[in-house]
Amino acid sequence: MSDKDTTHFGYQTVDKDDKAGMVAGVFHSVAARYDLMNDLMSGGIHRIWKRFTIELSGVRRGNAVLDIAGGTGDLAARFADLVGDQGRVVLADINDSMLRVGRDKLIDGGHAGNIEFVQADAQDLPFPDDSFDCITIAFGLRNVTDKDRALRSMLRVLKPGGRLLVLEFSKPGNEVLSKAYDTYSFKLLPLMGKLVANDSESYQYLAESIRMHPDQETLRDMMEDAGFSRCEFHNMTGGIVAVHRGVKS
């Protein structure tokens, strides 16, 4: 099997054709307790990271927004309020378990009036060219098999002048913080997964997938190679998380 036929699933090398199903298994497993685990894992800080991403998005009334790997709908709910009745928000996720949890949460919260729910693969988005003013993908890109293909797909469906924002775990710049983060990720995170969700293996994968994700500069270069302009990134929490922003010319 050649390198072209393989990819990473955490630290494992797997056939590209197998990765999507393996990732699906992880998120089928964690979907029911995804929000609870997010709060526990980040101490609630993920809400600040998402709020900053929304501020950077520049989304306003009447816009069309696509939230890829939208999960349980944190970003979609806020975007729905921002775009109003004349706007449109699409929450897309490849995983039907996550999509179902997100849909139920948003409907129960009264946010589903201008939100559409679409099961979709980021690598082959099922939307016409030039459809959206803004696209976000939060903590999802690292799970995509072919990230370059996904970035090109996002560029295609953005309107000229539209923005892509990628919120993702990244690489801390401080060595002491990096070592502490490694200890947390590989010792405490799987333990929390076992105690709270009865699933240590899925959270071990999630920790490994973070380490295999491109660093800040590499992802910025990938966005530029895909055709985005004015690409930049903002580190948060010492670089544990970064939000990348690019524009379609």
C-alpha atoms as a PDB file:
ATOM      1  CA  MET A   1       0.000   0.000   0.000  1.00  0.00           C
ATOM      2  CA  SER A   2       1.488   3.369  -1.042  1.00  0.00           C
ATOM      3  CA  ASP A   3       1.505   6.595   0.982  1.00  0.00           C
ATOM      4  CA  LYS A   4      -1.109   7.961  -1.429  1.00  0.00           C
ATOM      5  CA  ASP A   5      -3.514   5.247  -0.276  1.00  0.00           C
ATOM      6  CA  THR A   6      -3.016   5.772   3.458  1.00  0.00           C
ATOM      7  CA  THR A   7      -3.730   8.432   6.047  1.00  0.00           C
ATOM      8  CA  HIS A   8      -3.661   8.866   9.816  1.00  0.00           C
ATOM      9  CA  PHE A   9      -6.331   7.810  12.264  1.00  0.00           C
ATOM     10  CA  GLY A  10      -4.774   9.261  15.386  1.00  0.00           C
ATOM     11  CA  TYR A  11      -1.337   7.649  15.484  1.00  0.00           C
ATOM     12  CA  GLN A  12      -2.395   4.692  13.347  1.00  0.00           C
ATOM     13  CA  THR A  13      -1.716   4.501   9.616  1.00  0.00           C
ATOM     14  CA  VAL A  14      -4.901   3.339   7.900  1.00  0.00           C
ATOM     15  CA  ASP A  15      -6.340   2.978   4.409  1.00  0.00           C
ATOM     16  CA  LYS A  16      -7.878   6.276   3.260  1.00  0.00           C
ATOM     17  CA  ASP A  17     -11.079   4.457   2.387  1.00  0.00           C
ATOM     18  CA  ASP A  18     -11.401   3.233   5.980  1.00  0.00           C
ATOM     19  CA  LYS A  19     -10.840   6.480   7.885  1.00  0.00           C
ATOM     20  CA  ALA A  20     -14.292   8.033   7.425  1.00  0.00           C
ATOM     21  CA  GLY A  21     -15.971   4.963   8.892  1.00  0.00           C
ATOM     22  CA  MET A  22     -13.535   4.850  11.814  1.00  0.00           C
ATOM     23  CA  VAL A  23     -14.100   8.536  12.607  1.00  0.00           C
ATOM     24  CA  ALA A  24     -17.846   7.959  12.306  1.00  0.00           C
ATOM     25  CA  GLY A  25     -17.588   5.264  14.962  1.00  0.00           C
ATOM     26  CA  VAL A  26     -15.905   7.696  17.341  1.00  0.00           C
ATOM     27  CA  PHE A  27     -18.596  10.343  16.958  1.00  0.00           C
ATOM     28  CA  HIS A  28     -21.479   7.870  17.091  1.00  0.00           C
ATOM     29  CA  SER A  29     -19.991   6.881  20.446  1.00  0.00           C
ATOM     30  CA  VAL A  30     -19.470  10.383  21.877  1.00  0.00           C
ATOM     31  CA  ALA A  31     -22.517  12.211  20.451  1.00  0.00           C
ATOM     32  CA  ALA A  32     -24.860  11.795  23.435  1.00  0.00           C
ATOM     33  CA  ARG A  33     -22.372  13.287  25.915  1.00  0.00           C
ATOM     34  CA  TYR A  34     -20.521  15.596  23.536  1.00  0.00           C
ATOM     35  CA  ASP A  35     -21.596  18.881  25.163  1.00  0.00           C
ATOM     36  CA  LEU A  36     -20.904  17.641  28.684  1.00  0.00           C
ATOM     37  CA  MET A  37     -17.446  16.376  27.718  1.00  0.00           C
ATOM     38  CA  ASN A  38     -16.630  19.638  25.924  1.00  0.00           C
ATOM     39  CA  ASP A  39     -17.359  21.574  29.100  1.00  0.00           C
ATOM     40  CA  LEU A  40     -15.373  19.172  31.264  1.00  0.00           C
ATOM     41  CA  MET A  41     -12.385  18.934  28.897  1.00  0.00           C
ATOM     42  CA  SER A  42     -12.004  22.677  28.401  1.00  0.00           C
ATOM     43  CA  GLY A  43     -13.351  23.945  31.710  1.00  0.00           C
ATOM     44  CA  GLY A  44     -15.964  25.784  29.658  1.00  0.00           C
ATOM     45  CA  ILE A  45     -13.329  27.792  27.768  1.00  0.00           C
ATOM     46  CA  HIS A  46     -14.537  26.364  24.431  1.00  0.00           C
ATOM     47  CA  ARG A  47     -17.406  28.862  24.668  1.00  0.00           C
ATOM     48  CA  ILE A  48     -14.912  31.765  24.658  1.00  0.00           C
ATOM     49  CA  TRP A  49     -13.043  30.264  21.685  1.00  0.00           C
ATOM     50  CA  LYS A  50     -16.307  29.973  19.760  1.00  0.00           C
ATOM     51  CA  ARG A  51     -17.405  33.487  20.709  1.00  0.00           C
ATOM     52  CA  PHE A  52     -14.155  34.929  19.344  1.00  0.00           C
ATOM     53  CA  THR A  53     -14.622  32.947  16.120  1.00  0.00           C
ATOM     54  CA  ILE A  54     -18.106  34.402  15.705  1.00  0.00           C
ATOM     55  CA  GLU A  55     -16.754  37.921  16.258  1.00  0.00           C
ATOM     56  CA  LEU A  56     -14.096  37.357  13.574  1.00  0.00           C
ATOM     57  CA  SER A  57     -16.686  36.023  11.126  1.00  0.00           C
ATOM     58  CA  GLY A  58     -18.277  39.409  10.415  1.00  0.00           C
ATOM     59  CA  VAL A  59     -21.654  37.693   9.977  1.00  0.00           C
ATOM     60  CA  ARG A  60     -24.554  40.111   9.884  1.00  0.00           C
ATOM     61  CA  ARG A  61     -28.284  40.239   9.174  1.00  0.00           C
ATOM     62  CA  GLY A  62     -29.359  38.556   5.936  1.00  0.00           C
ATOM     63  CA  ASN A  63     -26.164  36.529   5.469  1.00  0.00           C
ATOM     64  CA  ALA A  64     -25.985  32.876   4.456  1.00  0.00           C
ATOM     65  CA  VAL A  65     -23.747  30.841   6.780  1.00  0.00           C
ATOM     66  CA  LEU A  66     -22.536  27.236   6.546  1.00  0.00           C
ATOM     67  CA  ASP A  67     -21.324  25.601   9.762  1.00  0.00           C
ATOM     68  CA  ILE A  68     -19.459  22.408   8.793  1.00  0.00           C
ATOM     69  CA  ALA A  69     -18.997  19.649  11.367  1.00  0.00           C
ATOM     70  CA  GLY A  70     -21.527  21.734  13.269  1.00  0.00           C
ATOM     71  CA  GLY A  71     -22.084  19.021  15.838  1.00  0.00           C
ATOM     72  CA  THR A  72     -24.478  20.034  18.569  1.00  0.00           C
ATOM     73  CA  GLY A  73     -25.089  23.496  17.162  1.00  0.00           C
ATOM     74  CA  ASP A  74     -23.266  26.007  19.399  1.00  0.00           C
ATOM     75  CA  LEU A  75     -22.149  28.168  16.469  1.00  0.00           C
ATOM     76  CA  ALA A  76     -25.301  27.633  14.421  1.00  0.00           C
ATOM     77  CA  ALA A  77     -27.520  28.897  17.252  1.00  0.00           C
ATOM     78  CA  ARG A  78     -25.595  32.159  17.507  1.00  0.00           C
ATOM     79  CA  PHE A  79     -25.440  32.603  13.739  1.00  0.00           C
ATOM     80  CA  ALA A  80     -29.200  32.069  13.508  1.00  0.00           C
ATOM     81  CA  ASP A  81     -29.693  35.027  15.843  1.00  0.00           C
ATOM     82  CA  LEU A  82     -27.240  37.193  13.902  1.00  0.00           C
ATOM     83  CA  VAL A  83     -28.619  36.580  10.382  1.00  0.00           C
ATOM     84  CA  GLY A  84     -32.270  36.958  11.385  1.00  0.00           C
ATOM     85  CA  ASP A  85     -35.364  35.949   9.454  1.00  0.00           C
ATOM     86  CA  GLN A  86     -33.899  37.090   6.138  1.00  0.00           C
ATOM     87  CA  GLY A  87     -30.733  35.039   6.600  1.00  0.00           C
ATOM     88  CA  ARG A  88     -29.921  31.364   6.292  1.00  0.00           C
ATOM     89  CA  VAL A  89     -27.845  29.019   8.425  1.00  0.00           C
ATOM     90  CA  VAL A  90     -26.949  25.485   7.358  1.00  0.00           C
ATOM     91  CA  LEU A  91     -25.665  23.114  10.023  1.00  0.00           C
ATOM     92  CA  ALA A  92     -23.809  20.348   8.197  1.00  0.00           C
ATOM     93  CA  ASP A  93     -22.240  17.262   9.709  1.00  0.00           C
ATOM     94  CA  ILE A  94     -21.124  13.990   8.144  1.00  0.00           C
ATOM     95  CA  ASN A  95     -22.203  12.086  11.250  1.00  0.00           C
ATOM     96  CA  ASP A  96     -25.918  11.457  11.593  1.00  0.00           C
ATOM     97  CA  SER A  97     -25.714  10.879  15.359  1.00  0.00           C
ATOM     98  CA  MET A  98     -24.123  14.293  15.900  1.00  0.00           C
ATOM     99  CA  LEU A  99     -26.574  15.900  13.474  1.00  0.00           C
ATOM    100  CA  ARG A 100     -29.542  14.391  15.295  1.00  0.00           C
ATOM    101  CA  VAL A 101     -28.297  15.610  18.691  1.00  0.00           C
ATOM    102  CA  GLY A 102     -27.681  19.089  17.271  1.00  0.00           C
ATOM    103  CA  ARG A 103     -31.073  19.272  15.585  1.00  0.00           C
ATOM    104  CA  ASP A 104     -32.921  18.215  18.746  1.00  0.00           C
ATOM    105  CA  LYS A 105     -30.959  20.698  20.868  1.00  0.00           C
ATOM    106  CA  LEU A 106     -31.632  23.617  18.502  1.00  0.00           C
ATOM    107  CA  ILE A 107     -35.311  22.811  18.067  1.00  0.00           C
ATOM    108  CA  ASP A 108     -35.742  22.508  21.840  1.00  0.00           C
ATOM    109  CA  GLY A 109     -33.972  25.864  22.238  1.00  0.00           C
ATOM    110  CA  GLY A 110     -36.229  27.570  19.710  1.00  0.00           C
ATOM    111  CA  HIS A 111     -33.391  28.210  17.253  1.00  0.00           C
ATOM    112  CA  ALA A 112     -34.429  26.072  14.302  1.00  0.00           C
ATOM    113  CA  GLY A 113     -36.624  28.569  12.415  1.00  0.00           C
ATOM    114  CA  ASN A 114     -33.894  29.648   9.980  1.00  0.00           C
ATOM    115  CA  ILE A 115     -31.530  26.663  10.335  1.00  0.00           C
ATOM    116  CA  GLU A 116     -31.300  23.825   7.829  1.00  0.00           C
ATOM    117  CA  PHE A 117     -29.760  20.473   8.752  1.00  0.00           C
ATOM    118  CA  VAL A 118     -27.742  18.652   6.104  1.00  0.00           C
ATOM    119  CA  GLN A 119     -25.702  15.461   6.363  1.00  0.00           C
ATOM    120  CA  ALA A 120     -22.690  16.322   4.238  1.00  0.00           C
ATOM    121  CA  ASP A 121     -19.037  15.465   3.680  1.00  0.00           C
ATOM    122  CA  ALA A 122     -16.731  18.502   3.903  1.00  0.00           C
ATOM    123  CA  GLN A 123     -14.710  17.080   0.991  1.00  0.00           C
ATOM    124  CA  ASP A 124     -17.711  17.158  -1.370  1.00  0.00           C
ATOM    125  CA  LEU A 125     -20.122  19.816  -0.186  1.00  0.00           C
ATOM    126  CA  PRO A 126     -23.570  19.407  -1.832  1.00  0.00           C
ATOM    127  CA  PHE A 127     -24.158  23.105  -2.475  1.00  0.00           C
ATOM    128  CA  PRO A 128     -23.934  25.300  -5.592  1.00  0.00           C
ATOM    129  CA  ASP A 129     -20.954  27.531  -6.252  1.00  0.00           C
ATOM    130  CA  ASP A 130     -20.960  30.930  -4.520  1.00  0.00           C
ATOM    131  CA  SER A 131     -23.669  30.029  -1.972  1.00  0.00           C
ATOM    132  CA  PHE A 132     -22.425  31.335   1.376  1.00  0.00           C
ATOM    133  CA  ASP A 133     -21.132  34.562   2.889  1.00  0.00           C
ATOM    134  CA  CYS A 134     -19.320  32.700   5.638  1.00  0.00           C
ATOM    135  CA  ILE A 135     -18.229  29.135   6.410  1.00  0.00           C
ATOM    136  CA  THR A 136     -17.087  27.906   9.807  1.00  0.00           C
ATOM    137  CA  ILE A 137     -15.636  24.562  10.834  1.00  0.00           C
ATOM    138  CA  ALA A 138     -14.942  24.177  14.555  1.00  0.00           C
ATOM    139  CA  PHE A 139     -12.917  21.227  15.816  1.00  0.00           C
ATOM    140  CA  GLY A 140     -13.761  19.253  12.685  1.00  0.00           C
ATOM    141  CA  LEU A 141     -11.035  19.738  10.102  1.00  0.00           C
ATOM    142  CA  ARG A 142      -8.568  17.445  11.854  1.00  0.00           C
ATOM    143  CA  ASN A 143     -11.010  14.544  11.374  1.00  0.00           C
ATOM    144  CA  VAL A 144     -11.301  15.053   7.596  1.00  0.00           C
ATOM    145  CA  THR A 145      -9.411  12.521   5.480  1.00  0.00           C
ATOM    146  CA  ASP A 146      -8.325  14.905   2.697  1.00  0.00           C
ATOM    147  CA  LYS A 147      -8.032  18.376   4.185  1.00  0.00           C
ATOM    148  CA  ASP A 148      -6.802  19.997   0.949  1.00  0.00           C
ATOM    149  CA  ARG A 149      -9.818  18.686  -0.937  1.00  0.00           C
ATOM    150  CA  ALA A 150     -12.130  19.913   1.819  1.00  0.00           C
ATOM    151  CA  LEU A 151     -10.608  23.407   1.736  1.00  0.00           C
ATOM    152  CA  ARG A 152     -11.107  23.586  -2.048  1.00  0.00           C
ATOM    153  CA  SER A 153     -14.708  22.454  -1.612  1.00  0.00           C
ATOM    154  CA  MET A 154     -15.289  25.214   0.943  1.00  0.00           C
ATOM    155  CA  LEU A 155     -13.729  27.801  -1.365  1.00  0.00           C
ATOM    156  CA  ARG A 156     -16.043  26.732  -4.185  1.00  0.00           C
ATOM    157  CA  VAL A 157     -19.267  27.249  -2.233  1.00  0.00           C
ATOM    158  CA  LEU A 158     -18.217  30.595  -0.732  1.00  0.00           C
ATOM    159  CA  LYS A 159     -19.331  33.784  -2.433  1.00  0.00           C
ATOM    160  CA  PRO A 160     -16.588  36.143  -3.633  1.00  0.00           C
ATOM    161  CA  GLY A 161     -15.562  38.109  -0.564  1.00  0.00           C
ATOM    162  CA  GLY A 162     -16.825  35.326   1.682  1.00  0.00           C
ATOM    163  CA  ARG A 163     -14.872  34.193   4.727  1.00  0.00           C
ATOM    164  CA  LEU A 164     -13.744  30.810   5.988  1.00  0.00           C
ATOM    165  CA  LEU A 165     -12.982  30.401   9.696  1.00  0.00           C
ATOM    166  CA  VAL A 166     -11.300  27.249  10.966  1.00  0.00           C
ATOM    167  CA  LEU A 167     -11.324  26.841  14.752  1.00  0.00           C
ATOM    168  CA  GLU A 168      -9.101  23.952  15.748  1.00  0.00           C
ATOM    169  CA  PHE A 169      -6.710  22.653  18.367  1.00  0.00           C
ATOM    170  CA  SER A 170      -3.185  23.598  17.423  1.00  0.00           C
ATOM    171  CA  LYS A 171       0.389  23.736  18.735  1.00  0.00           C
ATOM    172  CA  PRO A 172       1.292  25.608  21.959  1.00  0.00           C
ATOM    173  CA  GLY A 173       4.264  27.911  21.529  1.00  0.00           C
ATOM    174  CA  ASN A 174       5.594  27.469  25.069  1.00  0.00           C
ATOM    175  CA  GLU A 175       7.507  24.265  25.849  1.00  0.00           C
ATOM    176  CA  VAL A 176       6.326  24.082  29.468  1.00  0.00           C
ATOM    177  CA  LEU A 177       2.693  24.551  28.387  1.00  0.00           C
ATOM    178  CA  SER A 178       3.181  21.981  25.625  1.00  0.00           C
ATOM    179  CA  LYS A 179       4.424  19.326  28.085  1.00  0.00           C
ATOM    180  CA  ALA A 180       1.595  20.045  30.521  1.00  0.00           C
ATOM    181  CA  TYR A 181      -0.889  19.838  27.650  1.00  0.00           C
ATOM    182  CA  ASP A 182       0.534  16.462  26.576  1.00  0.00           C
ATOM    183  CA  THR A 183       0.134  15.103  30.098  1.00  0.00           C
ATOM    184  CA  TYR A 184      -3.449  16.363  30.241  1.00  0.00           C
ATOM    185  CA  SER A 185      -4.314  15.027  26.766  1.00  0.00           C
ATOM    186  CA  PHE A 186      -2.920  11.533  27.125  1.00  0.00           C
ATOM    187  CA  LYS A 187      -3.526  10.877  30.827  1.00  0.00           C
ATOM    188  CA  LEU A 188      -6.539  12.852  32.003  1.00  0.00           C
ATOM    189  CA  LEU A 189      -8.582  13.081  28.794  1.00  0.00           C
ATOM    190  CA  PRO A 190      -8.978   9.301  28.247  1.00  0.00           C
ATOM    191  CA  LEU A 191      -9.655   8.915  31.977  1.00  0.00           C
ATOM    192  CA  MET A 192     -12.465  11.489  31.807  1.00  0.00           C
ATOM    193  CA  GLY A 193     -13.816   9.717  28.738  1.00  0.00           C
ATOM    194  CA  LYS A 194     -13.876   6.439  30.647  1.00  0.00           C
ATOM    195  CA  LEU A 195     -15.477   7.871  33.782  1.00  0.00           C
ATOM    196  CA  VAL A 196     -18.065  10.145  32.157  1.00  0.00           C
ATOM    197  CA  ALA A 197     -18.793   8.552  28.788  1.00  0.00           C
ATOM    198  CA  ASN A 198     -17.540   4.998  29.442  1.00  0.00           C
ATOM    199  CA  ASP A 199     -15.348   5.384  26.363  1.00  0.00           C
ATOM    200  CA  SER A 200     -11.627   5.970  26.846  1.00  0.00           C
ATOM    201  CA  GLU A 201     -10.635   4.818  23.328  1.00  0.00           C
ATOM    202  CA  SER A 202     -12.573   7.542  21.495  1.00  0.00           C
ATOM    203  CA  TYR A 203     -10.963  10.230  23.623  1.00  0.00           C
ATOM    204  CA  GLN A 204      -7.541   8.679  23.129  1.00  0.00           C
ATOM    205  CA  TYR A 205      -8.149   9.032  19.373  1.00  0.00           C
ATOM    206  CA  LEU A 206      -9.253  12.643  19.780  1.00  0.00           C
ATOM    207  CA  ALA A 207      -6.039  13.444  21.680  1.00  0.00           C
ATOM    208  CA  GLU A 208      -3.924  11.742  19.016  1.00  0.00           C
ATOM    209  CA  SER A 209      -5.790  13.474  16.187  1.00  0.00           C
ATOM    210  CA  ILE A 210      -4.920  16.852  17.719  1.00  0.00           C
ATOM    211  CA  ARG A 211      -1.214  15.995  17.638  1.00  0.00           C
ATOM    212  CA  MET A 212      -1.414  14.871  13.991  1.00  0.00           C
ATOM    213  CA  HIS A 213      -3.163  18.057  12.852  1.00  0.00           C
ATOM    214  CA  PRO A 214      -1.041  20.635  10.962  1.00  0.00           C
ATOM    215  CA  ASP A 215       0.463  23.439  13.024  1.00  0.00           C
ATOM    216  CA  GLN A 216      -0.620  27.062  12.649  1.00  0.00           C
ATOM    217  CA  GLU A 217       1.751  28.037   9.834  1.00  0.00           C
ATOM    218  CA  THR A 218       1.174  24.819   7.885  1.00  0.00           C
ATOM    219  CA  LEU A 219      -2.612  25.195   7.961  1.00  0.00           C
ATOM    220  CA  ARG A 220      -2.320  28.831   6.865  1.00  0.00           C
ATOM    221  CA  ASP A 221      -0.184  27.691   3.920  1.00  0.00           C
ATOM    222  CA  MET A 222      -2.712  24.973   3.066  1.00  0.00           C
ATOM    223  CA  MET A 223      -5.478  27.568   2.948  1.00  0.00           C
ATOM    224  CA  GLU A 224      -3.409  29.750   0.636  1.00  0.00           C
ATOM    225  CA  ASP A 225      -2.638  26.762  -1.600  1.00  0.00           C
ATOM    226  CA  ALA A 226      -6.374  26.013  -1.800  1.00  0.00           C
ATOM    227  CA  GLY A 227      -6.960  29.529  -3.171  1.00  0.00           C
ATOM    228  CA  PHE A 228      -7.836  31.615  -0.112  1.00  0.00           C
ATOM    229  CA  SER A 229      -6.374  35.100   0.248  1.00  0.00           C
ATOM    230  CA  ARG A 230      -5.562  37.296   3.272  1.00  0.00           C
ATOM    231  CA  CYS A 231      -5.012  34.168   5.369  1.00  0.00           C
ATOM    232  CA  GLU A 232      -4.158  34.730   9.016  1.00  0.00           C
ATOM    233  CA  PHE A 233      -4.449  32.968  12.350  1.00  0.00           C
ATOM    234  CA  HIS A 234      -5.050  34.001  15.939  1.00  0.00           C
ATOM    235  CA  ASN A 235      -3.733  31.877  18.808  1.00  0.00           C
ATOM    236  CA  MET A 236      -5.822  31.426  21.926  1.00  0.00           C
ATOM    237  CA  THR A 237      -4.916  29.899  25.289  1.00  0.00           C
ATOM    238  CA  GLY A 238      -1.220  29.910  24.441  1.00  0.00           C
ATOM    239  CA  GLY A 239      -1.704  28.283  21.041  1.00  0.00           C
ATOM    240  CA  ILE A 240      -3.611  25.263  22.357  1.00  0.00           C
ATOM    241  CA  VAL A 241      -6.330  26.510  20.009  1.00  0.00           C
ATOM    242  CA  ALA A 242      -6.082  28.712  16.915  1.00  0.00           C
ATOM    243  CA  VAL A 243      -8.662  30.258  14.618  1.00  0.00           C
ATOM    244  CA  HIS A 244      -7.611  30.640  10.986  1.00  0.00           C
ATOM    245  CA  ARG A 245      -9.349  33.080   8.667  1.00  0.00           C
ATOM    246  CA  GLY A 246      -9.219  33.267   4.874  1.00  0.00           C
ATOM    247  CA  VAL A 247     -11.160  35.151   2.219  1.00  0.00           C
ATOM    248  CA  LYS A 248     -12.354  34.134  -1.237  1.00  0.00           C
ATOM    249  CA  SER A 249     -11.151  36.775  -3.690  1.00  0.00           C
END
